[in-house]
Amino acid sequence: MAKGYWIVRVDIADLERYGAYVAANGAVFAAHNARFLARAGRSETLEGSSRSRNVVLEFPTYEAALACWHSAEYQEVLALRTPVSTADLLVIEGYEGPQPGDS
């Protein structure tokens, strides 16, 4: 079964208050077996638009990624982020097909 991913781009208006979201989200993500693949590291926009912070979270399945976002626990944590940031969050199913160079 293919993994699920959150692709998140965020602009933060209040770093101090955003810190409360960061402190609270770990327990929720752990409960949904998520792990960070990228978390606010260096980035360069080569095409299109961007935001100041980028995150990629991996979940065991696409359904698990959706379930995390819809969970009551995450919705409580999300309430900490939304007043102090603007975000784009995409849930995407992983790909398990042929790769470049495969014969």
N, C-alpha and C. Protein backbone atom coordinates (compact mmCIF):
# COMPACT_ATOMS: atom_id res chain seq x y z
N MET A 1 0.85 -1.18 0.00
CA MET A 1 0.00 0.00 0.00
C MET A 1 0.89 1.25 0.00
N ALA A 2 0.56 2.20 -0.83
CA ALA A 2 1.35 3.42 -0.96
C ALA A 2 1.26 4.29 0.28
N LYS A 3 2.36 4.94 0.58
CA LYS A 3 2.39 5.88 1.71
C LYS A 3 1.62 7.14 1.35
N GLY A 4 1.32 7.94 2.36
CA GLY A 4 0.67 9.23 2.17
C GLY A 4 1.59 10.33 2.66
N TYR A 5 1.45 11.49 2.08
CA TYR A 5 2.32 12.62 2.42
C TYR A 5 1.52 13.90 2.58
N TRP A 6 1.96 14.71 3.52
CA TRP A 6 1.52 16.09 3.61
C TRP A 6 2.63 16.93 3.00
N ILE A 7 2.28 17.78 2.06
CA ILE A 7 3.19 18.79 1.54
C ILE A 7 2.62 20.11 2.04
N VAL A 8 3.39 20.80 2.88
CA VAL A 8 2.88 22.00 3.55
C VAL A 8 3.82 23.16 3.28
N ARG A 9 3.23 24.30 2.91
CA ARG A 9 3.97 25.55 2.73
C ARG A 9 3.32 26.59 3.62
N VAL A 10 4.11 27.28 4.41
CA VAL A 10 3.55 28.18 5.42
C VAL A 10 4.29 29.51 5.44
N ASP A 11 3.54 30.60 5.57
CA ASP A 11 4.07 31.92 5.92
C ASP A 11 3.61 32.19 7.34
N ILE A 12 4.51 32.62 8.19
CA ILE A 12 4.22 32.80 9.61
C ILE A 12 4.22 34.29 9.94
N ALA A 13 3.13 34.75 10.55
CA ALA A 13 2.99 36.15 10.93
C ALA A 13 3.49 36.41 12.35
N ASP A 14 3.43 35.41 13.21
CA ASP A 14 3.83 35.57 14.61
C ASP A 14 4.59 34.32 15.05
N LEU A 15 5.92 34.39 15.01
CA LEU A 15 6.75 33.22 15.32
C LEU A 15 6.55 32.71 16.73
N GLU A 16 6.37 33.60 17.68
CA GLU A 16 6.20 33.17 19.06
C GLU A 16 4.92 32.34 19.23
N ARG A 17 3.83 32.83 18.70
CA ARG A 17 2.57 32.08 18.81
C ARG A 17 2.60 30.82 17.94
N TYR A 18 3.29 30.86 16.81
CA TYR A 18 3.43 29.68 15.96
C TYR A 18 4.18 28.57 16.71
N GLY A 19 5.08 28.96 17.59
CA GLY A 19 5.82 28.00 18.39
C GLY A 19 4.92 27.10 19.22
N ALA A 20 3.77 27.61 19.64
CA ALA A 20 2.82 26.78 20.40
C ALA A 20 2.28 25.66 19.51
N TYR A 21 2.05 25.95 18.24
CA TYR A 21 1.61 24.92 17.29
C TYR A 21 2.69 23.86 17.12
N VAL A 22 3.93 24.30 16.93
CA VAL A 22 5.04 23.36 16.73
C VAL A 22 5.20 22.47 17.96
N ALA A 23 5.08 23.05 19.14
CA ALA A 23 5.23 22.27 20.38
C ALA A 23 4.11 21.25 20.54
N ALA A 24 2.93 21.55 20.04
CA ALA A 24 1.77 20.67 20.24
C ALA A 24 1.59 19.63 19.15
N ASN A 25 2.13 19.86 17.96
CA ASN A 25 1.81 18.95 16.86
C ASN A 25 2.52 17.60 16.92
N GLY A 26 3.64 17.51 17.60
CA GLY A 26 4.42 16.28 17.62
C GLY A 26 3.65 15.08 18.16
N ALA A 27 2.91 15.26 19.24
CA ALA A 27 2.15 14.15 19.82
C ALA A 27 1.08 13.65 18.85
N VAL A 28 0.45 14.57 18.15
CA VAL A 28 -0.58 14.18 17.18
C VAL A 28 0.05 13.42 16.02
N PHE A 29 1.16 13.93 15.51
CA PHE A 29 1.82 13.25 14.39
C PHE A 29 2.32 11.87 14.81
N ALA A 30 2.85 11.76 16.00
CA ALA A 30 3.32 10.46 16.50
C ALA A 30 2.17 9.47 16.61
N ALA A 31 1.02 9.93 17.07
CA ALA A 31 -0.15 9.07 17.20
C ALA A 31 -0.62 8.54 15.85
N HIS A 32 -0.30 9.26 14.77
CA HIS A 32 -0.69 8.85 13.42
C HIS A 32 0.50 8.25 12.65
N ASN A 33 1.56 7.91 13.38
CA ASN A 33 2.74 7.27 12.79
C ASN A 33 3.36 8.08 11.66
N ALA A 34 3.37 9.39 11.82
CA ALA A 34 3.97 10.27 10.83
C ALA A 34 5.43 10.52 11.17
N ARG A 35 6.20 10.87 10.13
CA ARG A 35 7.57 11.29 10.37
C ARG A 35 7.92 12.40 9.40
N PHE A 36 8.73 13.34 9.89
CA PHE A 36 9.15 14.46 9.06
C PHE A 36 10.22 14.01 8.07
N LEU A 37 10.02 14.33 6.80
CA LEU A 37 11.04 14.13 5.78
C LEU A 37 11.77 15.44 5.49
N ALA A 38 11.05 16.54 5.62
CA ALA A 38 11.63 17.88 5.48
C ALA A 38 10.88 18.77 6.46
N ARG A 39 11.63 19.63 7.14
CA ARG A 39 10.98 20.50 8.14
C ARG A 39 11.75 21.82 8.21
N ALA A 40 11.31 22.75 7.40
CA ALA A 40 11.82 24.13 7.43
C ALA A 40 13.30 24.25 7.12
N GLY A 41 13.84 23.31 6.36
CA GLY A 41 15.24 23.42 5.95
C GLY A 41 15.39 24.42 4.81
N ARG A 42 16.58 24.48 4.28
CA ARG A 42 16.84 25.39 3.16
C ARG A 42 15.97 25.02 1.97
N SER A 43 15.55 26.02 1.21
CA SER A 43 14.80 25.78 -0.01
C SER A 43 15.07 26.91 -0.99
N GLU A 44 14.84 26.61 -2.25
CA GLU A 44 14.98 27.60 -3.30
C GLU A 44 13.84 27.40 -4.28
N THR A 45 13.09 28.43 -4.53
CA THR A 45 11.98 28.36 -5.46
C THR A 45 12.52 28.54 -6.88
N LEU A 46 12.40 27.49 -7.67
CA LEU A 46 12.89 27.54 -9.05
C LEU A 46 11.78 27.81 -10.04
N GLU A 47 10.54 27.52 -9.67
CA GLU A 47 9.38 27.82 -10.50
C GLU A 47 8.21 28.11 -9.59
N GLY A 48 7.29 28.95 -10.04
CA GLY A 48 6.07 29.21 -9.29
C GLY A 48 6.29 30.07 -8.05
N SER A 49 5.36 29.96 -7.13
CA SER A 49 5.41 30.77 -5.92
C SER A 49 5.90 29.92 -4.75
N SER A 50 6.19 30.59 -3.65
CA SER A 50 6.66 29.86 -2.48
C SER A 50 6.17 30.55 -1.21
N ARG A 51 6.41 29.88 -0.10
CA ARG A 51 6.18 30.44 1.22
C ARG A 51 7.47 30.30 2.00
N SER A 52 7.52 30.87 3.17
CA SER A 52 8.78 30.93 3.92
C SER A 52 9.18 29.63 4.59
N ARG A 53 8.23 28.75 4.87
CA ARG A 53 8.52 27.49 5.58
C ARG A 53 7.87 26.35 4.80
N ASN A 54 8.62 25.25 4.63
CA ASN A 54 8.12 24.09 3.90
C ASN A 54 8.32 22.84 4.73
N VAL A 55 7.31 21.96 4.71
CA VAL A 55 7.35 20.74 5.50
C VAL A 55 6.82 19.59 4.64
N VAL A 56 7.46 18.44 4.75
CA VAL A 56 6.96 17.21 4.13
C VAL A 56 6.87 16.17 5.24
N LEU A 57 5.67 15.66 5.46
CA LEU A 57 5.42 14.61 6.45
C LEU A 57 5.02 13.33 5.74
N GLU A 58 5.57 12.21 6.18
CA GLU A 58 5.24 10.91 5.61
C GLU A 58 4.37 10.14 6.59
N PHE A 59 3.31 9.51 6.06
CA PHE A 59 2.39 8.68 6.82
C PHE A 59 2.41 7.26 6.24
N PRO A 60 2.01 6.28 7.02
CA PRO A 60 2.03 4.89 6.51
C PRO A 60 1.18 4.68 5.26
N THR A 61 0.07 5.43 5.15
CA THR A 61 -0.83 5.32 4.00
C THR A 61 -1.45 6.68 3.70
N TYR A 62 -2.02 6.79 2.52
CA TYR A 62 -2.76 8.00 2.14
C TYR A 62 -3.93 8.22 3.11
N GLU A 63 -4.62 7.13 3.44
CA GLU A 63 -5.76 7.22 4.35
C GLU A 63 -5.33 7.71 5.73
N ALA A 64 -4.15 7.28 6.19
CA ALA A 64 -3.64 7.73 7.48
C ALA A 64 -3.33 9.23 7.46
N ALA A 65 -2.82 9.70 6.32
CA ALA A 65 -2.52 11.13 6.18
C ALA A 65 -3.80 11.96 6.26
N LEU A 66 -4.84 11.50 5.59
CA LEU A 66 -6.14 12.19 5.66
C LEU A 66 -6.73 12.11 7.06
N ALA A 67 -6.65 10.92 7.67
CA ALA A 67 -7.22 10.73 9.01
C ALA A 67 -6.56 11.65 10.03
N CYS A 68 -5.27 11.85 9.91
CA CYS A 68 -4.58 12.75 10.84
C CYS A 68 -5.15 14.16 10.74
N TRP A 69 -5.24 14.67 9.53
CA TRP A 69 -5.75 16.05 9.36
C TRP A 69 -7.17 16.18 9.89
N HIS A 70 -8.00 15.18 9.65
CA HIS A 70 -9.41 15.25 10.06
C HIS A 70 -9.63 14.91 11.53
N SER A 71 -8.61 14.43 12.22
CA SER A 71 -8.78 14.01 13.62
C SER A 71 -9.09 15.21 14.51
N ALA A 72 -9.86 14.94 15.54
CA ALA A 72 -10.20 15.99 16.52
C ALA A 72 -8.93 16.54 17.15
N GLU A 73 -7.94 15.67 17.39
CA GLU A 73 -6.69 16.11 18.02
C GLU A 73 -5.94 17.10 17.14
N TYR A 74 -5.87 16.81 15.84
CA TYR A 74 -5.15 17.75 14.97
C TYR A 74 -5.95 19.03 14.79
N GLN A 75 -7.25 18.95 14.73
CA GLN A 75 -8.05 20.16 14.58
C GLN A 75 -7.85 21.10 15.76
N GLU A 76 -7.64 20.55 16.96
CA GLU A 76 -7.33 21.39 18.13
C GLU A 76 -5.99 22.08 17.95
N VAL A 77 -4.99 21.33 17.48
CA VAL A 77 -3.66 21.89 17.27
C VAL A 77 -3.69 22.90 16.13
N LEU A 78 -4.41 22.59 15.08
CA LEU A 78 -4.54 23.50 13.94
C LEU A 78 -5.08 24.86 14.36
N ALA A 79 -5.94 24.88 15.34
CA ALA A 79 -6.50 26.14 15.83
C ALA A 79 -5.41 27.05 16.39
N LEU A 80 -4.27 26.49 16.77
CA LEU A 80 -3.14 27.31 17.23
C LEU A 80 -2.41 27.96 16.06
N ARG A 81 -2.41 27.28 14.91
CA ARG A 81 -1.67 27.77 13.74
C ARG A 81 -2.44 28.78 12.91
N THR A 82 -3.70 28.52 12.69
CA THR A 82 -4.43 29.32 11.70
C THR A 82 -4.49 30.82 11.99
N PRO A 83 -4.57 31.26 13.25
CA PRO A 83 -4.61 32.72 13.45
C PRO A 83 -3.29 33.42 13.18
N VAL A 84 -2.19 32.68 13.13
CA VAL A 84 -0.87 33.31 13.04
C VAL A 84 -0.09 32.92 11.79
N SER A 85 -0.77 32.25 10.85
CA SER A 85 -0.06 31.83 9.64
C SER A 85 -1.02 31.66 8.48
N THR A 86 -0.44 31.60 7.30
CA THR A 86 -1.17 31.27 6.08
C THR A 86 -0.48 30.06 5.48
N ALA A 87 -1.26 29.03 5.15
CA ALA A 87 -0.64 27.79 4.70
C ALA A 87 -1.36 27.20 3.49
N ASP A 88 -0.60 26.43 2.74
CA ASP A 88 -1.12 25.54 1.71
C ASP A 88 -0.76 24.14 2.18
N LEU A 89 -1.73 23.25 2.26
CA LEU A 89 -1.48 21.88 2.71
C LEU A 89 -2.11 20.93 1.72
N LEU A 90 -1.29 20.08 1.17
CA LEU A 90 -1.73 19.11 0.17
C LEU A 90 -1.47 17.72 0.72
N VAL A 91 -2.46 16.84 0.64
CA VAL A 91 -2.26 15.43 0.99
C VAL A 91 -2.15 14.68 -0.33
N ILE A 92 -1.09 13.89 -0.45
CA ILE A 92 -0.83 13.22 -1.71
C ILE A 92 -0.46 11.76 -1.46
N GLU A 93 -0.89 10.90 -2.36
CA GLU A 93 -0.56 9.48 -2.27
C GLU A 93 0.81 9.23 -2.88
N GLY A 94 1.61 8.41 -2.23
CA GLY A 94 2.92 8.05 -2.74
C GLY A 94 2.83 7.25 -4.03
N TYR A 95 3.94 7.17 -4.73
CA TYR A 95 4.02 6.49 -6.01
C TYR A 95 4.89 5.26 -5.86
N GLU A 96 4.43 4.13 -6.36
CA GLU A 96 5.18 2.88 -6.25
C GLU A 96 5.43 2.24 -7.61
N GLY A 97 5.29 3.00 -8.68
CA GLY A 97 5.47 2.47 -10.02
C GLY A 97 6.89 2.54 -10.50
N PRO A 98 7.08 2.33 -11.82
CA PRO A 98 8.42 2.35 -12.42
C PRO A 98 9.13 3.69 -12.17
N GLN A 99 10.44 3.62 -12.06
CA GLN A 99 11.26 4.81 -11.82
C GLN A 99 12.17 5.05 -13.01
N PRO A 100 12.66 6.27 -13.16
CA PRO A 100 13.61 6.54 -14.24
C PRO A 100 14.78 5.57 -14.17
N GLY A 101 15.14 5.03 -15.30
CA GLY A 101 16.25 4.08 -15.35
C GLY A 101 15.82 2.63 -15.19
N ASP A 102 14.58 2.40 -14.76
CA ASP A 102 14.08 1.02 -14.67
C ASP A 102 13.91 0.46 -16.07
N SER A 103 14.21 -0.78 -16.24
CA SER A 103 14.05 -1.42 -17.55
C SER A 103 12.70 -2.04 -17.70
